[in-house]
Amino acid sequence: MKGNISDDDNDDLDFLGNYKCYKLLSKENAQAIMSELAHQELIQRQRYIAQAWLQPLTSLKNKQVFKTPEDIESLCEARRPTTKKVIKALQATPSNEAERQSLQFLKKFIRSLDVKSLEAFLKFTTGSFTMMGEVGLSISFTTLEGFARRPIAHTCGPSLELPCTYQSYPELVEEFTAILREQEAWGFNIV
C-alpha cells in the first residue's frame, strides 16, 4: 500500500489472480489496485449477497414467527432435538414380536445418545440436524440378515427401514454407531 514494490515482488503477488486481478503492480498503481480490490471484496460482494437475500427475507418479515428475536429463539428451541422429541416423532406399527423388539431397541438407543450423536442420528435419518416440525420419522421393518442387515434411511420421506432381525440391543447399537461414526468422518453419504 505504501508503494514499496519492486519487480521481484510481483512473483510473490500471484495470489492477486484469486481476486481476478491480472495487472502487474507497480509503485504508481499499487494504491489504486489495492483500493479497487478492497472495494470489490468488502463492499460489492456483500452487496450482491444482500440483494440476493432481500426478497426472501422481506417476505419473512410478515410471518409472526420472525417478528421479534424472542420469536426466532423460540422457533430454534422448538427445532432443537431432544431424545423425547425424536422418540415422539417415530411412526411405526410393528406387527409381530420381532418388530416390537427392534423398535424398543431403537428407542433405547436414541435415549442413550448425547446431543451431538442425536444430531448425527437425525442427519442420517432425515437429512437435517434439527427437528422437522410436525413431520415424523416413518419406520418400516425389513428382514435383512447377515452382512446385508443394516438400517436404511430415506431422507426424502423421511423414513427408516429398520431390520427386525436384531437378537440383542448391542447388535443394533453396533450397527447404528458404525453408521453414525462413518457419517461423522465422511460427511453426507448415500448409504
N, C-alpha and C. Protein backbone atom coordinates (compact mmCIF):
# COMPACT_ATOMS: atom_id res chain seq x y z
N MET A 1 0.82 -1.20 0.00
CA MET A 1 0.00 0.00 0.00
C MET A 1 0.86 1.26 0.00
N LYS A 2 2.09 1.15 0.51
CA LYS A 2 2.96 2.32 0.55
C LYS A 2 3.69 2.53 -0.76
N GLY A 3 3.53 1.60 -1.70
CA GLY A 3 4.19 1.75 -2.99
C GLY A 3 5.61 1.24 -3.01
N ASN A 4 6.04 0.50 -2.03
CA ASN A 4 7.39 -0.05 -1.97
C ASN A 4 7.43 -1.39 -2.71
N ILE A 5 7.16 -1.38 -3.98
CA ILE A 5 7.09 -2.60 -4.76
C ILE A 5 8.20 -2.59 -5.80
N SER A 6 8.90 -3.72 -5.86
CA SER A 6 9.92 -3.86 -6.90
C SER A 6 9.45 -4.93 -7.88
N ASP A 7 10.14 -5.07 -9.00
CA ASP A 7 9.76 -6.08 -9.99
C ASP A 7 9.85 -7.49 -9.42
N ASP A 8 10.75 -7.71 -8.46
CA ASP A 8 10.88 -9.02 -7.84
C ASP A 8 9.66 -9.39 -7.00
N ASP A 9 8.94 -8.40 -6.47
CA ASP A 9 7.79 -8.66 -5.61
C ASP A 9 6.59 -9.19 -6.40
N ASN A 10 6.52 -8.96 -7.71
CA ASN A 10 5.38 -9.41 -8.49
C ASN A 10 5.23 -10.92 -8.48
N ASP A 11 6.33 -11.66 -8.31
CA ASP A 11 6.24 -13.11 -8.20
C ASP A 11 5.52 -13.51 -6.91
N ASP A 12 5.71 -12.75 -5.86
CA ASP A 12 5.06 -13.03 -4.58
C ASP A 12 3.59 -12.61 -4.57
N LEU A 13 3.18 -11.83 -5.54
CA LEU A 13 1.82 -11.30 -5.56
C LEU A 13 0.92 -12.05 -6.54
N ASP A 14 1.28 -13.29 -6.90
CA ASP A 14 0.44 -14.03 -7.84
C ASP A 14 -0.90 -14.42 -7.23
N PHE A 15 -1.05 -14.29 -5.90
CA PHE A 15 -2.33 -14.56 -5.26
C PHE A 15 -3.42 -13.58 -5.72
N LEU A 16 -3.01 -12.44 -6.30
CA LEU A 16 -4.00 -11.47 -6.76
C LEU A 16 -4.88 -12.04 -7.87
N GLY A 17 -4.39 -13.07 -8.56
CA GLY A 17 -5.22 -13.74 -9.57
C GLY A 17 -6.46 -14.36 -8.96
N ASN A 18 -6.41 -14.73 -7.68
CA ASN A 18 -7.60 -15.25 -7.00
C ASN A 18 -8.70 -14.21 -6.92
N TYR A 19 -8.34 -12.96 -6.99
CA TYR A 19 -9.30 -11.87 -6.94
C TYR A 19 -9.58 -11.28 -8.33
N LYS A 20 -9.21 -12.03 -9.33
CA LYS A 20 -9.39 -11.64 -10.73
C LYS A 20 -8.67 -10.33 -11.05
N CYS A 21 -7.51 -10.17 -10.47
CA CYS A 21 -6.66 -9.01 -10.74
C CYS A 21 -5.43 -9.53 -11.48
N TYR A 22 -5.32 -9.18 -12.74
CA TYR A 22 -4.23 -9.70 -13.56
C TYR A 22 -3.27 -8.60 -13.99
N LYS A 23 -3.34 -7.47 -13.31
CA LYS A 23 -2.42 -6.37 -13.59
C LYS A 23 -1.15 -6.56 -12.79
N LEU A 24 -0.04 -6.10 -13.33
CA LEU A 24 1.21 -6.10 -12.59
C LEU A 24 1.24 -4.88 -11.68
N LEU A 25 1.60 -5.09 -10.45
CA LEU A 25 1.66 -3.98 -9.51
C LEU A 25 2.96 -3.20 -9.73
N SER A 26 2.82 -1.93 -9.60
CA SER A 26 3.99 -1.05 -9.64
C SER A 26 3.80 0.02 -8.56
N LYS A 27 4.82 0.82 -8.37
CA LYS A 27 4.72 1.88 -7.36
C LYS A 27 3.58 2.84 -7.69
N GLU A 28 3.35 3.04 -9.00
CA GLU A 28 2.35 4.01 -9.42
C GLU A 28 0.91 3.50 -9.26
N ASN A 29 0.69 2.20 -9.45
CA ASN A 29 -0.70 1.72 -9.44
C ASN A 29 -1.06 0.87 -8.22
N ALA A 30 -0.14 0.62 -7.29
CA ALA A 30 -0.40 -0.26 -6.14
C ALA A 30 -1.56 0.25 -5.29
N GLN A 31 -1.57 1.53 -5.00
CA GLN A 31 -2.64 2.10 -4.17
C GLN A 31 -3.99 1.94 -4.84
N ALA A 32 -4.08 2.24 -6.12
CA ALA A 32 -5.36 2.15 -6.84
C ALA A 32 -5.84 0.70 -6.93
N ILE A 33 -4.94 -0.22 -7.23
CA ILE A 33 -5.33 -1.64 -7.35
C ILE A 33 -5.79 -2.19 -6.01
N MET A 34 -5.07 -1.91 -4.94
CA MET A 34 -5.46 -2.42 -3.62
C MET A 34 -6.79 -1.82 -3.17
N SER A 35 -7.01 -0.55 -3.46
CA SER A 35 -8.29 0.08 -3.11
C SER A 35 -9.43 -0.54 -3.90
N GLU A 36 -9.20 -0.81 -5.16
CA GLU A 36 -10.23 -1.43 -6.01
C GLU A 36 -10.56 -2.85 -5.51
N LEU A 37 -9.53 -3.62 -5.19
CA LEU A 37 -9.76 -4.97 -4.67
C LEU A 37 -10.48 -4.93 -3.33
N ALA A 38 -10.09 -4.03 -2.46
CA ALA A 38 -10.75 -3.91 -1.16
C ALA A 38 -12.21 -3.56 -1.34
N HIS A 39 -12.52 -2.64 -2.24
CA HIS A 39 -13.91 -2.27 -2.52
C HIS A 39 -14.69 -3.46 -3.05
N GLN A 40 -14.08 -4.19 -3.95
CA GLN A 40 -14.73 -5.37 -4.54
C GLN A 40 -15.04 -6.41 -3.46
N GLU A 41 -14.08 -6.68 -2.59
CA GLU A 41 -14.25 -7.74 -1.59
C GLU A 41 -15.10 -7.30 -0.40
N LEU A 42 -14.96 -6.05 0.04
CA LEU A 42 -15.66 -5.61 1.24
C LEU A 42 -17.02 -5.00 0.98
N ILE A 43 -17.23 -4.45 -0.19
CA ILE A 43 -18.50 -3.77 -0.48
C ILE A 43 -19.32 -4.52 -1.52
N GLN A 44 -18.76 -4.70 -2.72
CA GLN A 44 -19.54 -5.25 -3.82
C GLN A 44 -20.01 -6.67 -3.57
N ARG A 45 -19.15 -7.52 -3.07
CA ARG A 45 -19.53 -8.92 -2.86
C ARG A 45 -20.65 -9.02 -1.83
N GLN A 46 -20.55 -8.30 -0.72
CA GLN A 46 -21.59 -8.34 0.30
C GLN A 46 -22.89 -7.72 -0.21
N ARG A 47 -22.78 -6.70 -1.04
CA ARG A 47 -23.98 -6.07 -1.60
C ARG A 47 -24.72 -7.06 -2.50
N TYR A 48 -23.98 -7.83 -3.28
CA TYR A 48 -24.58 -8.83 -4.15
C TYR A 48 -25.35 -9.86 -3.33
N ILE A 49 -24.75 -10.33 -2.24
CA ILE A 49 -25.41 -11.31 -1.37
C ILE A 49 -26.64 -10.70 -0.72
N ALA A 50 -26.51 -9.47 -0.25
CA ALA A 50 -27.65 -8.80 0.38
C ALA A 50 -28.80 -8.64 -0.61
N GLN A 51 -28.52 -8.29 -1.84
CA GLN A 51 -29.56 -8.15 -2.86
C GLN A 51 -30.22 -9.50 -3.16
N ALA A 52 -29.43 -10.56 -3.19
CA ALA A 52 -29.99 -11.87 -3.47
C ALA A 52 -30.94 -12.33 -2.36
N TRP A 53 -30.67 -11.95 -1.11
CA TRP A 53 -31.49 -12.36 0.02
C TRP A 53 -32.62 -11.38 0.33
N LEU A 54 -32.63 -10.23 -0.31
CA LEU A 54 -33.59 -9.19 0.04
C LEU A 54 -35.04 -9.67 -0.09
N GLN A 55 -35.42 -10.21 -1.21
CA GLN A 55 -36.81 -10.62 -1.41
C GLN A 55 -37.25 -11.74 -0.48
N PRO A 56 -36.47 -12.84 -0.36
CA PRO A 56 -36.93 -13.89 0.56
C PRO A 56 -37.04 -13.41 2.01
N LEU A 57 -36.07 -12.60 2.46
CA LEU A 57 -36.12 -12.14 3.84
C LEU A 57 -37.23 -11.12 4.07
N THR A 58 -37.55 -10.32 3.07
CA THR A 58 -38.63 -9.36 3.19
C THR A 58 -39.96 -10.08 3.36
N SER A 59 -40.14 -11.18 2.62
CA SER A 59 -41.40 -11.92 2.75
C SER A 59 -41.52 -12.58 4.12
N LEU A 60 -40.40 -12.87 4.77
CA LEU A 60 -40.45 -13.48 6.10
C LEU A 60 -40.84 -12.49 7.19
N LYS A 61 -40.61 -11.20 6.95
CA LYS A 61 -40.95 -10.19 7.95
C LYS A 61 -42.42 -10.22 8.32
N ASN A 62 -43.26 -10.64 7.39
CA ASN A 62 -44.70 -10.64 7.63
C ASN A 62 -45.17 -11.85 8.44
N LYS A 63 -44.33 -12.82 8.64
CA LYS A 63 -44.71 -14.00 9.40
C LYS A 63 -44.48 -13.76 10.88
N GLN A 64 -45.42 -14.19 11.70
CA GLN A 64 -45.36 -13.95 13.14
C GLN A 64 -44.10 -14.51 13.78
N VAL A 65 -43.65 -15.67 13.32
CA VAL A 65 -42.53 -16.34 13.95
C VAL A 65 -41.21 -15.57 13.77
N PHE A 66 -41.17 -14.61 12.84
CA PHE A 66 -39.96 -13.82 12.61
C PHE A 66 -40.11 -12.35 13.04
N LYS A 67 -41.12 -12.04 13.83
CA LYS A 67 -41.36 -10.65 14.23
C LYS A 67 -40.32 -10.12 15.22
N THR A 68 -39.96 -10.93 16.20
CA THR A 68 -39.02 -10.48 17.23
C THR A 68 -37.90 -11.50 17.40
N PRO A 69 -36.79 -11.07 17.95
CA PRO A 69 -35.71 -12.03 18.23
C PRO A 69 -36.16 -13.16 19.17
N GLU A 70 -37.06 -12.85 20.09
CA GLU A 70 -37.55 -13.88 21.01
C GLU A 70 -38.35 -14.94 20.25
N ASP A 71 -39.13 -14.50 19.25
CA ASP A 71 -39.89 -15.46 18.44
C ASP A 71 -38.96 -16.38 17.66
N ILE A 72 -37.89 -15.82 17.14
CA ILE A 72 -36.91 -16.63 16.40
C ILE A 72 -36.22 -17.61 17.35
N GLU A 73 -35.89 -17.14 18.56
CA GLU A 73 -35.28 -18.03 19.55
C GLU A 73 -36.21 -19.18 19.91
N SER A 74 -37.50 -18.89 20.06
CA SER A 74 -38.44 -19.96 20.42
C SER A 74 -38.59 -20.95 19.26
N LEU A 75 -38.50 -20.47 18.03
CA LEU A 75 -38.53 -21.37 16.87
C LEU A 75 -37.30 -22.28 16.89
N CYS A 76 -36.15 -21.71 17.14
CA CYS A 76 -34.92 -22.51 17.21
C CYS A 76 -35.00 -23.52 18.34
N GLU A 77 -35.53 -23.13 19.47
CA GLU A 77 -35.66 -24.04 20.61
C GLU A 77 -36.63 -25.18 20.28
N ALA A 78 -37.70 -24.87 19.57
CA ALA A 78 -38.66 -25.91 19.19
C ALA A 78 -38.03 -26.91 18.22
N ARG A 79 -37.09 -26.47 17.42
CA ARG A 79 -36.43 -27.35 16.44
C ARG A 79 -35.21 -28.08 17.01
N ARG A 80 -34.75 -27.69 18.19
CA ARG A 80 -33.58 -28.33 18.81
C ARG A 80 -33.97 -29.75 19.22
N PRO A 81 -33.19 -30.73 18.78
CA PRO A 81 -33.58 -32.12 19.07
C PRO A 81 -33.32 -32.52 20.53
N THR A 82 -34.24 -33.29 21.05
CA THR A 82 -34.07 -33.95 22.34
C THR A 82 -34.49 -35.40 22.13
N THR A 83 -34.07 -36.25 23.04
CA THR A 83 -34.43 -37.66 22.88
C THR A 83 -35.95 -37.84 22.92
N LYS A 84 -36.63 -37.10 23.78
CA LYS A 84 -38.10 -37.22 23.86
C LYS A 84 -38.76 -36.81 22.55
N LYS A 85 -38.30 -35.72 21.96
CA LYS A 85 -38.88 -35.25 20.70
C LYS A 85 -38.65 -36.26 19.57
N VAL A 86 -37.45 -36.81 19.52
CA VAL A 86 -37.14 -37.76 18.45
C VAL A 86 -37.97 -39.04 18.62
N ILE A 87 -38.06 -39.55 19.84
CA ILE A 87 -38.85 -40.76 20.07
C ILE A 87 -40.32 -40.50 19.76
N LYS A 88 -40.81 -39.33 20.12
CA LYS A 88 -42.21 -38.97 19.83
C LYS A 88 -42.46 -38.88 18.32
N ALA A 89 -41.42 -38.53 17.56
CA ALA A 89 -41.57 -38.40 16.10
C ALA A 89 -41.58 -39.74 15.38
N LEU A 90 -41.18 -40.82 16.06
CA LEU A 90 -41.16 -42.14 15.42
C LEU A 90 -42.59 -42.59 15.12
N GLN A 91 -42.81 -43.02 13.89
CA GLN A 91 -44.12 -43.51 13.48
C GLN A 91 -43.96 -44.94 12.99
N ALA A 92 -44.36 -45.87 13.82
CA ALA A 92 -44.18 -47.28 13.48
C ALA A 92 -45.39 -48.08 13.94
N THR A 93 -45.72 -49.11 13.18
CA THR A 93 -46.77 -50.04 13.55
C THR A 93 -46.22 -51.45 13.47
N PRO A 94 -45.53 -51.88 14.52
CA PRO A 94 -44.97 -53.24 14.49
C PRO A 94 -46.09 -54.27 14.48
N SER A 95 -45.90 -55.31 13.68
CA SER A 95 -46.96 -56.32 13.54
C SER A 95 -46.63 -57.63 14.22
N ASN A 96 -45.40 -57.79 14.71
CA ASN A 96 -45.05 -59.02 15.41
C ASN A 96 -44.04 -58.70 16.50
N GLU A 97 -43.69 -59.70 17.26
CA GLU A 97 -42.80 -59.51 18.41
C GLU A 97 -41.40 -59.06 18.00
N ALA A 98 -40.86 -59.57 16.90
CA ALA A 98 -39.52 -59.18 16.43
C ALA A 98 -39.49 -57.70 16.07
N GLU A 99 -40.53 -57.20 15.42
CA GLU A 99 -40.60 -55.79 15.06
C GLU A 99 -40.74 -54.92 16.31
N ARG A 100 -41.57 -55.36 17.27
CA ARG A 100 -41.70 -54.60 18.52
C ARG A 100 -40.37 -54.54 19.26
N GLN A 101 -39.65 -55.64 19.27
CA GLN A 101 -38.37 -55.69 19.96
C GLN A 101 -37.35 -54.77 19.28
N SER A 102 -37.29 -54.78 17.96
CA SER A 102 -36.36 -53.89 17.24
C SER A 102 -36.71 -52.43 17.49
N LEU A 103 -38.00 -52.12 17.52
CA LEU A 103 -38.42 -50.75 17.79
C LEU A 103 -38.01 -50.34 19.22
N GLN A 104 -38.16 -51.24 20.18
CA GLN A 104 -37.74 -50.95 21.56
C GLN A 104 -36.23 -50.76 21.64
N PHE A 105 -35.48 -51.57 20.90
CA PHE A 105 -34.02 -51.40 20.85
C PHE A 105 -33.67 -50.02 20.28
N LEU A 106 -34.38 -49.61 19.21
CA LEU A 106 -34.12 -48.30 18.60
C LEU A 106 -34.41 -47.18 19.59
N LYS A 107 -35.53 -47.25 20.29
CA LYS A 107 -35.87 -46.22 21.27
C LYS A 107 -34.82 -46.16 22.39
N LYS A 108 -34.39 -47.32 22.84
CA LYS A 108 -33.36 -47.36 23.89
C LYS A 108 -32.06 -46.74 23.37
N PHE A 109 -31.73 -47.03 22.12
CA PHE A 109 -30.53 -46.45 21.51
C PHE A 109 -30.64 -44.93 21.45
N ILE A 110 -31.78 -44.43 21.02
CA ILE A 110 -31.98 -42.98 20.92
C ILE A 110 -31.85 -42.34 22.29
N ARG A 111 -32.41 -42.97 23.34
CA ARG A 111 -32.30 -42.43 24.70
C ARG A 111 -30.86 -42.35 25.17
N SER A 112 -30.00 -43.20 24.64
CA SER A 112 -28.60 -43.23 25.08
C SER A 112 -27.72 -42.19 24.39
N LEU A 113 -28.24 -41.50 23.39
CA LEU A 113 -27.42 -40.58 22.60
C LEU A 113 -27.23 -39.24 23.28
N ASP A 114 -26.03 -38.68 23.16
CA ASP A 114 -25.80 -37.31 23.60
C ASP A 114 -26.27 -36.37 22.48
N VAL A 115 -26.18 -35.07 22.69
CA VAL A 115 -26.72 -34.10 21.74
C VAL A 115 -26.06 -34.23 20.36
N LYS A 116 -24.75 -34.33 20.34
CA LYS A 116 -24.04 -34.43 19.06
C LYS A 116 -24.42 -35.71 18.31
N SER A 117 -24.51 -36.81 19.03
CA SER A 117 -24.89 -38.08 18.40
C SER A 117 -26.34 -38.06 17.96
N LEU A 118 -27.19 -37.40 18.74
CA LEU A 118 -28.60 -37.28 18.36
C LEU A 118 -28.74 -36.48 17.07
N GLU A 119 -27.96 -35.42 16.93
CA GLU A 119 -27.96 -34.65 15.69
C GLU A 119 -27.46 -35.49 14.52
N ALA A 120 -26.44 -36.33 14.75
CA ALA A 120 -25.94 -37.21 13.69
C ALA A 120 -27.01 -38.23 13.31
N PHE A 121 -27.74 -38.76 14.29
CA PHE A 121 -28.83 -39.69 14.01
C PHE A 121 -29.89 -39.02 13.16
N LEU A 122 -30.26 -37.79 13.53
CA LEU A 122 -31.26 -37.06 12.74
C LEU A 122 -30.76 -36.78 11.33
N LYS A 123 -29.50 -36.41 11.21
CA LYS A 123 -28.96 -36.14 9.87
C LYS A 123 -29.00 -37.40 9.02
N PHE A 124 -28.69 -38.55 9.61
CA PHE A 124 -28.74 -39.81 8.87
C PHE A 124 -30.17 -40.14 8.46
N THR A 125 -31.13 -39.96 9.35
CA THR A 125 -32.50 -40.39 9.08
C THR A 125 -33.35 -39.37 8.35
N THR A 126 -33.08 -38.06 8.56
CA THR A 126 -33.93 -37.04 7.95
C THR A 126 -33.17 -36.09 7.02
N GLY A 127 -31.85 -36.06 7.12
CA GLY A 127 -31.07 -35.13 6.31
C GLY A 127 -30.87 -33.79 6.98
N SER A 128 -31.38 -33.63 8.20
CA SER A 128 -31.30 -32.36 8.91
C SER A 128 -30.81 -32.59 10.33
N PHE A 129 -30.08 -31.61 10.88
CA PHE A 129 -29.62 -31.68 12.26
C PHE A 129 -30.73 -31.32 13.25
N THR A 130 -31.81 -30.75 12.75
CA THR A 130 -32.87 -30.26 13.62
C THR A 130 -34.14 -31.04 13.41
N MET A 131 -35.09 -30.84 14.32
CA MET A 131 -36.40 -31.47 14.19
C MET A 131 -37.13 -30.80 13.03
N MET A 132 -37.90 -31.59 12.33
CA MET A 132 -38.57 -31.11 11.12
C MET A 132 -40.02 -30.69 11.40
N GLY A 133 -40.27 -30.07 12.53
CA GLY A 133 -41.62 -29.62 12.86
C GLY A 133 -42.53 -30.80 13.14
N GLU A 134 -43.67 -30.83 12.47
CA GLU A 134 -44.66 -31.87 12.70
C GLU A 134 -44.39 -33.13 11.89
N VAL A 135 -43.35 -33.12 11.07
CA VAL A 135 -43.02 -34.27 10.24
C VAL A 135 -42.42 -35.36 11.13
N GLY A 136 -42.97 -36.56 11.00
CA GLY A 136 -42.48 -37.68 11.79
C GLY A 136 -41.46 -38.50 11.00
N LEU A 137 -40.88 -39.47 11.67
CA LEU A 137 -39.94 -40.39 11.05
C LEU A 137 -40.65 -41.73 10.91
N SER A 138 -40.99 -42.08 9.71
CA SER A 138 -41.73 -43.30 9.43
C SER A 138 -40.78 -44.49 9.51
N ILE A 139 -41.16 -45.49 10.29
CA ILE A 139 -40.34 -46.69 10.46
C ILE A 139 -41.04 -47.85 9.76
N SER A 140 -40.31 -48.50 8.86
CA SER A 140 -40.78 -49.75 8.28
C SER A 140 -39.77 -50.82 8.65
N PHE A 141 -40.18 -52.06 8.60
CA PHE A 141 -39.33 -53.15 9.06
C PHE A 141 -38.91 -54.03 7.90
N THR A 142 -37.64 -54.48 7.95
CA THR A 142 -37.11 -55.39 6.93
C THR A 142 -36.62 -56.65 7.62
N THR A 143 -36.38 -57.67 6.83
CA THR A 143 -35.88 -58.93 7.38
C THR A 143 -34.47 -59.22 6.90
N LEU A 144 -33.70 -58.18 6.67
CA LEU A 144 -32.32 -58.36 6.23
C LEU A 144 -31.51 -59.05 7.33
N GLU A 145 -30.62 -59.95 6.91
CA GLU A 145 -29.80 -60.68 7.88
C GLU A 145 -28.35 -60.70 7.41
N GLY A 146 -27.46 -61.10 8.32
CA GLY A 146 -26.05 -61.26 8.00
C GLY A 146 -25.40 -59.94 7.61
N PHE A 147 -24.54 -59.99 6.58
CA PHE A 147 -23.83 -58.78 6.14
C PHE A 147 -24.76 -57.79 5.44
N ALA A 148 -25.91 -58.23 4.99
CA ALA A 148 -26.86 -57.34 4.33
C ALA A 148 -27.68 -56.53 5.33
N ARG A 149 -27.69 -56.98 6.58
CA ARG A 149 -28.50 -56.30 7.59
C ARG A 149 -27.91 -54.94 7.92
N ARG A 150 -28.74 -53.93 7.80
CA ARG A 150 -28.35 -52.57 8.15
C ARG A 150 -29.59 -51.69 8.13
N PRO A 151 -29.60 -50.66 8.93
CA PRO A 151 -30.69 -49.68 8.84
C PRO A 151 -30.51 -48.86 7.56
N ILE A 152 -31.61 -48.61 6.86
CA ILE A 152 -31.56 -47.85 5.62
C ILE A 152 -32.44 -46.63 5.78
N ALA A 153 -31.86 -45.44 5.59
CA ALA A 153 -32.60 -44.20 5.74
C ALA A 153 -32.95 -43.62 4.37
N HIS A 154 -34.14 -43.07 4.30
CA HIS A 154 -34.59 -42.34 3.10
C HIS A 154 -34.94 -40.93 3.58
N THR A 155 -34.04 -40.00 3.34
CA THR A 155 -34.21 -38.65 3.88
C THR A 155 -35.29 -37.86 3.17
N CYS A 156 -35.70 -38.28 1.98
CA CYS A 156 -36.73 -37.52 1.27
C CYS A 156 -38.10 -37.71 1.92
N GLY A 157 -38.28 -38.78 2.70
CA GLY A 157 -39.56 -39.15 3.30
C GLY A 157 -39.95 -38.36 4.51
N PRO A 158 -39.25 -38.33 5.57
CA PRO A 158 -38.14 -39.20 5.94
C PRO A 158 -38.67 -40.54 6.46
N SER A 159 -37.93 -41.58 6.14
CA SER A 159 -38.30 -42.91 6.61
C SER A 159 -37.04 -43.71 6.91
N LEU A 160 -37.22 -44.72 7.74
CA LEU A 160 -36.13 -45.58 8.15
C LEU A 160 -36.57 -47.03 8.01
N GLU A 161 -35.79 -47.80 7.27
CA GLU A 161 -36.03 -49.24 7.18
C GLU A 161 -35.19 -49.88 8.27
N LEU A 162 -35.86 -50.42 9.26
CA LEU A 162 -35.20 -50.99 10.43
C LEU A 162 -35.30 -52.51 10.36
N PRO A 163 -34.16 -53.21 10.37
CA PRO A 163 -34.22 -54.67 10.39
C PRO A 163 -34.88 -55.17 11.68
N CYS A 164 -35.72 -56.18 11.56
CA CYS A 164 -36.35 -56.75 12.75
C CYS A 164 -35.65 -58.04 13.15
N THR A 165 -34.43 -58.21 12.67
CA THR A 165 -33.67 -59.44 12.93
C THR A 165 -32.60 -59.25 14.00
N TYR A 166 -32.68 -58.18 14.77
CA TYR A 166 -31.72 -57.98 15.86
C TYR A 166 -32.07 -58.92 17.01
N GLN A 167 -31.10 -59.69 17.44
CA GLN A 167 -31.30 -60.61 18.55
C GLN A 167 -31.06 -59.94 19.89
N SER A 168 -30.29 -58.83 19.86
CA SER A 168 -29.99 -58.14 21.11
C SER A 168 -29.78 -56.65 20.84
N TYR A 169 -29.90 -55.88 21.90
CA TYR A 169 -29.68 -54.44 21.83
C TYR A 169 -28.27 -54.09 21.37
N PRO A 170 -27.21 -54.76 21.86
CA PRO A 170 -25.85 -54.42 21.40
C PRO A 170 -25.65 -54.58 19.88
N GLU A 171 -26.38 -55.49 19.25
CA GLU A 171 -26.27 -55.62 17.78
C GLU A 171 -26.74 -54.35 17.10
N LEU A 172 -27.89 -53.82 17.53
CA LEU A 172 -28.40 -52.58 16.94
C LEU A 172 -27.45 -51.43 17.23
N VAL A 173 -26.97 -51.34 18.45
CA VAL A 173 -26.04 -50.27 18.83
C VAL A 173 -24.79 -50.32 17.97
N GLU A 174 -24.25 -51.50 17.76
CA GLU A 174 -23.04 -51.64 16.96
C GLU A 174 -23.24 -51.15 15.53
N GLU A 175 -24.35 -51.54 14.91
CA GLU A 175 -24.59 -51.12 13.53
C GLU A 175 -24.87 -49.64 13.41
N PHE A 176 -25.72 -49.10 14.30
CA PHE A 176 -26.02 -47.67 14.23
C PHE A 176 -24.80 -46.84 14.57
N THR A 177 -24.03 -47.24 15.55
CA THR A 177 -22.83 -46.49 15.93
C THR A 177 -21.84 -46.45 14.78
N ALA A 178 -21.68 -47.57 14.07
CA ALA A 178 -20.77 -47.60 12.92
C ALA A 178 -21.25 -46.63 11.84
N ILE A 179 -22.55 -46.59 11.60
CA ILE A 179 -23.10 -45.68 10.58
C ILE A 179 -22.89 -44.23 11.00
N LEU A 180 -23.19 -43.92 12.24
CA LEU A 180 -23.05 -42.53 12.70
C LEU A 180 -21.59 -42.10 12.75
N ARG A 181 -20.70 -43.01 13.11
CA ARG A 181 -19.27 -42.69 13.14
C ARG A 181 -18.77 -42.43 11.72
N GLU A 182 -19.20 -43.26 10.77
CA GLU A 182 -18.81 -43.09 9.38
C GLU A 182 -19.33 -41.77 8.83
N GLN A 183 -20.56 -41.44 9.17
CA GLN A 183 -21.16 -40.19 8.72
C GLN A 183 -20.37 -39.01 9.26
N GLU A 184 -19.95 -39.09 10.51
CA GLU A 184 -19.17 -38.01 11.12
C GLU A 184 -17.83 -37.84 10.44
N ALA A 185 -17.22 -38.95 10.04
CA ALA A 185 -15.90 -38.89 9.42
C ALA A 185 -15.95 -38.41 7.98
N TRP A 186 -16.97 -38.80 7.24
CA TRP A 186 -17.00 -38.52 5.81
C TRP A 186 -18.03 -37.48 5.41
N GLY A 187 -18.91 -37.08 6.29
CA GLY A 187 -19.97 -36.15 5.89
C GLY A 187 -21.15 -36.92 5.35
N PHE A 188 -21.90 -36.31 4.49
CA PHE A 188 -23.12 -36.93 3.97
C PHE A 188 -22.78 -38.04 2.99
N ASN A 189 -23.32 -39.21 3.23
CA ASN A 189 -23.12 -40.37 2.35
C ASN A 189 -24.47 -40.87 1.87
N ILE A 190 -24.46 -41.52 0.76
CA ILE A 190 -25.61 -42.27 0.32
C ILE A 190 -25.38 -43.69 0.77
N VAL A 191 -26.19 -44.16 1.71
CA VAL A 191 -25.98 -45.48 2.28
C VAL A 191 -27.04 -46.42 1.75
